[in-house]
């Protein structure tokens, strides 16, 4: 014979599951109604130079900037979107035109651009990225690296139509 012990924790867990699924017996997990757009980050537009050229690589390379670009709402990947990237690196500072470059997203909405190693500026190693093409609202990002020894940085965009 099996004895079931109902503790307060068991009661709360079962009650929570029933509340989430409802009395209707919903058997599939709930999903979000839409993907929210990425907000511009404070300091993201610092030293931005409009119209940086599309390049294969910035400088000598050695550091990899990657990310994805998706549409707000349904999260569909956005191909052919221009992402500008710049940073304070071993080869130049954020104001140098040679420290700026742009790349396009592929069919999966992914981008990657090799650049020189990012080094700390104002105490923090960080990169700058911008979506500024016009089909969607402009977004500036300024992700901070965990360590100045990191050799890559990843940033994602979720864009809202302009």
Protein backbone atom coordinates (compact mmCIF):
# COMPACT_ATOMS: atom_id res chain seq x y z
CA UNK A 1 0.00 0.00 0.00
CA UNK A 2 1.35 3.47 -0.94
CA UNK A 3 0.87 6.37 1.43
CA UNK A 4 0.81 9.87 -0.04
CA UNK A 5 1.98 12.56 2.33
CA UNK A 6 0.64 16.03 1.54
CA UNK A 7 2.96 18.62 2.94
CA UNK A 8 2.47 22.36 2.58
CA UNK A 9 5.15 22.37 -0.17
CA UNK A 10 3.36 19.60 -2.14
CA UNK A 11 0.02 21.38 -1.77
CA UNK A 12 1.50 24.68 -3.05
CA UNK A 13 3.24 22.98 -5.98
CA UNK A 14 0.12 21.11 -7.08
CA UNK A 15 -2.05 24.19 -6.54
CA UNK A 16 0.34 26.31 -8.60
CA UNK A 17 0.34 23.79 -11.45
CA UNK A 18 -3.45 23.73 -11.50
CA UNK A 19 -3.61 27.54 -11.45
CA UNK A 20 -1.15 27.80 -14.35
CA UNK A 21 -2.84 25.16 -16.51
CA UNK A 22 -6.35 26.14 -15.50
CA UNK A 23 -9.24 23.85 -14.89
CA UNK A 24 -9.55 23.26 -18.66
CA UNK A 25 -6.64 20.82 -18.54
CA UNK A 26 -4.27 22.81 -20.73
CA UNK A 27 -1.44 20.41 -21.57
CA UNK A 28 0.91 22.67 -23.56
CA UNK A 29 3.18 25.24 -21.93
CA UNK A 30 2.11 28.86 -22.09
CA UNK A 31 4.07 31.01 -24.55
CA UNK A 32 4.78 34.69 -24.75
CA UNK A 33 2.51 36.68 -27.06
CA UNK A 34 5.44 38.53 -28.59
CA UNK A 35 9.09 39.31 -28.41
CA UNK A 36 9.74 42.80 -27.04
CA UNK A 37 12.07 45.13 -28.96
CA UNK A 38 15.59 45.73 -27.67
CA UNK A 39 15.91 49.14 -26.00
CA UNK A 40 18.88 51.38 -26.73
CA UNK A 41 21.50 51.09 -24.00
CA UNK A 42 22.87 54.11 -22.17
CA UNK A 43 26.20 55.11 -23.74
CA UNK A 44 25.60 52.91 -26.78
CA UNK A 45 25.79 55.80 -29.25
CA UNK A 46 29.03 57.22 -27.81
CA UNK A 47 31.51 57.96 -30.63
CA UNK A 48 29.06 56.71 -33.28
CA UNK A 49 30.06 57.65 -36.83
CA UNK A 50 27.16 57.31 -39.30
CA UNK A 51 27.80 55.37 -42.49
CA UNK A 52 30.73 53.16 -41.50
CA UNK A 53 31.60 50.97 -44.48
CA UNK A 54 30.74 47.28 -44.72
CA UNK A 55 34.02 45.43 -44.18
CA UNK A 56 35.31 41.85 -44.07
CA UNK A 57 37.25 42.60 -40.87
CA UNK A 58 38.22 45.61 -38.75
CA UNK A 59 42.00 45.96 -38.50
CA UNK A 60 44.10 42.88 -37.89
CA UNK A 61 41.37 40.88 -36.17
CA UNK A 62 41.76 38.43 -33.30
CA UNK A 63 38.50 39.28 -31.47
CA UNK A 64 35.07 38.09 -32.64
CA UNK A 65 31.84 40.09 -32.33
CA UNK A 66 28.71 37.99 -32.98
CA UNK A 67 24.97 38.26 -32.58
CA UNK A 68 21.52 37.85 -34.01
CA UNK A 69 18.89 40.20 -35.38
CA UNK A 70 15.20 39.32 -35.07
CA UNK A 71 11.90 41.08 -35.60
CA UNK A 72 9.91 42.17 -32.54
CA UNK A 73 6.68 40.28 -32.06
CA UNK A 74 7.22 37.00 -33.89
CA UNK A 75 11.01 36.74 -33.45
CA UNK A 76 11.61 36.01 -37.14
CA UNK A 77 15.30 36.25 -38.14
CA UNK A 78 16.08 39.31 -40.28
CA UNK A 79 18.47 38.73 -43.18
CA UNK A 80 20.48 41.49 -44.86
CA UNK A 81 20.38 43.90 -41.90
CA UNK A 82 23.34 46.24 -41.44
CA UNK A 83 25.03 46.21 -38.01
CA UNK A 84 27.77 48.72 -37.27
CA UNK A 85 30.45 47.77 -34.72
CA UNK A 86 33.16 49.86 -33.03
CA UNK A 87 35.25 49.73 -29.87
CA UNK A 88 38.41 50.81 -28.10
CA UNK A 89 40.91 48.17 -29.26
CA UNK A 90 44.60 47.38 -29.30
CA UNK A 91 44.75 49.17 -32.69
CA UNK A 92 42.70 52.31 -32.07
CA UNK A 93 40.14 54.11 -29.96
CA UNK A 94 36.39 54.51 -30.42
CA UNK A 95 36.79 57.84 -32.24
CA UNK A 96 39.10 56.44 -34.94
CA UNK A 97 37.33 55.71 -38.23
CA UNK A 98 39.58 52.67 -38.60
CA UNK A 99 37.96 51.23 -35.42
CA UNK A 100 34.49 51.30 -37.07
CA UNK A 101 33.02 48.84 -39.53
CA UNK A 102 29.72 47.28 -40.50
CA UNK A 103 28.51 43.83 -41.51
CA UNK A 104 25.26 42.30 -42.80
CA UNK A 105 23.18 39.54 -41.24
CA UNK A 106 22.93 36.19 -43.02
CA UNK A 107 19.74 34.23 -43.88
CA UNK A 108 19.42 33.19 -40.21
CA UNK A 109 19.68 36.78 -38.95
CA UNK A 110 23.19 36.12 -37.59
CA UNK A 111 26.20 38.41 -37.89
CA UNK A 112 29.89 38.10 -37.10
CA UNK A 113 32.77 40.49 -37.53
CA UNK A 114 36.38 39.99 -36.56
CA UNK A 115 38.19 42.98 -35.06
CA UNK A 116 41.24 43.74 -32.90
CA UNK A 117 41.14 42.79 -29.21
CA UNK A 118 38.87 45.07 -27.18
CA UNK A 119 40.65 46.77 -24.27
CA UNK A 120 39.20 48.67 -21.30
CA UNK A 121 38.02 52.24 -21.82
CA UNK A 122 36.83 54.11 -18.73
CA UNK A 123 37.63 50.99 -16.69
CA UNK A 124 35.40 48.61 -18.64
CA UNK A 125 36.13 46.50 -21.72
CA UNK A 126 33.06 47.00 -23.91
CA UNK A 127 31.90 47.11 -27.49
CA UNK A 128 29.44 49.29 -29.38
CA UNK A 129 26.91 48.04 -31.89
CA UNK A 130 24.22 49.85 -33.84
CA UNK A 131 21.35 48.95 -36.08
CA UNK A 132 20.84 52.13 -38.13
CA UNK A 133 19.52 51.13 -41.56
CA UNK A 134 16.08 52.71 -41.48
CA UNK A 135 13.62 49.81 -41.97
CA UNK A 136 13.44 49.43 -38.20
CA UNK A 137 13.96 51.78 -35.26
CA UNK A 138 17.61 52.61 -34.56
CA UNK A 139 19.09 50.73 -31.60
CA UNK A 140 22.49 51.29 -29.97
CA UNK A 141 24.04 48.65 -27.70
CA UNK A 142 27.03 48.85 -25.34
CA UNK A 143 27.64 45.36 -23.94
CA UNK A 144 30.33 45.07 -21.27
CA UNK A 145 32.72 42.12 -21.29
CA UNK A 146 33.28 40.01 -18.18
CA UNK A 147 37.05 40.25 -18.60
CA UNK A 148 39.48 42.10 -20.82
CA UNK A 149 40.93 38.66 -21.62
CA UNK A 150 37.70 37.56 -23.38
CA UNK A 151 38.21 37.05 -27.12
CA UNK A 152 34.57 37.36 -28.17
CA UNK A 153 31.40 39.27 -27.38
CA UNK A 154 27.81 38.39 -28.34
CA UNK A 155 24.91 40.85 -28.67
CA UNK A 156 21.35 40.31 -29.91
CA UNK A 157 18.94 42.79 -31.48
CA UNK A 158 15.16 42.56 -31.54
CA UNK A 159 13.97 45.30 -33.89
CA UNK A 160 10.69 47.18 -34.11
CA UNK A 161 9.52 48.58 -37.47
CA UNK A 162 10.26 52.29 -37.91
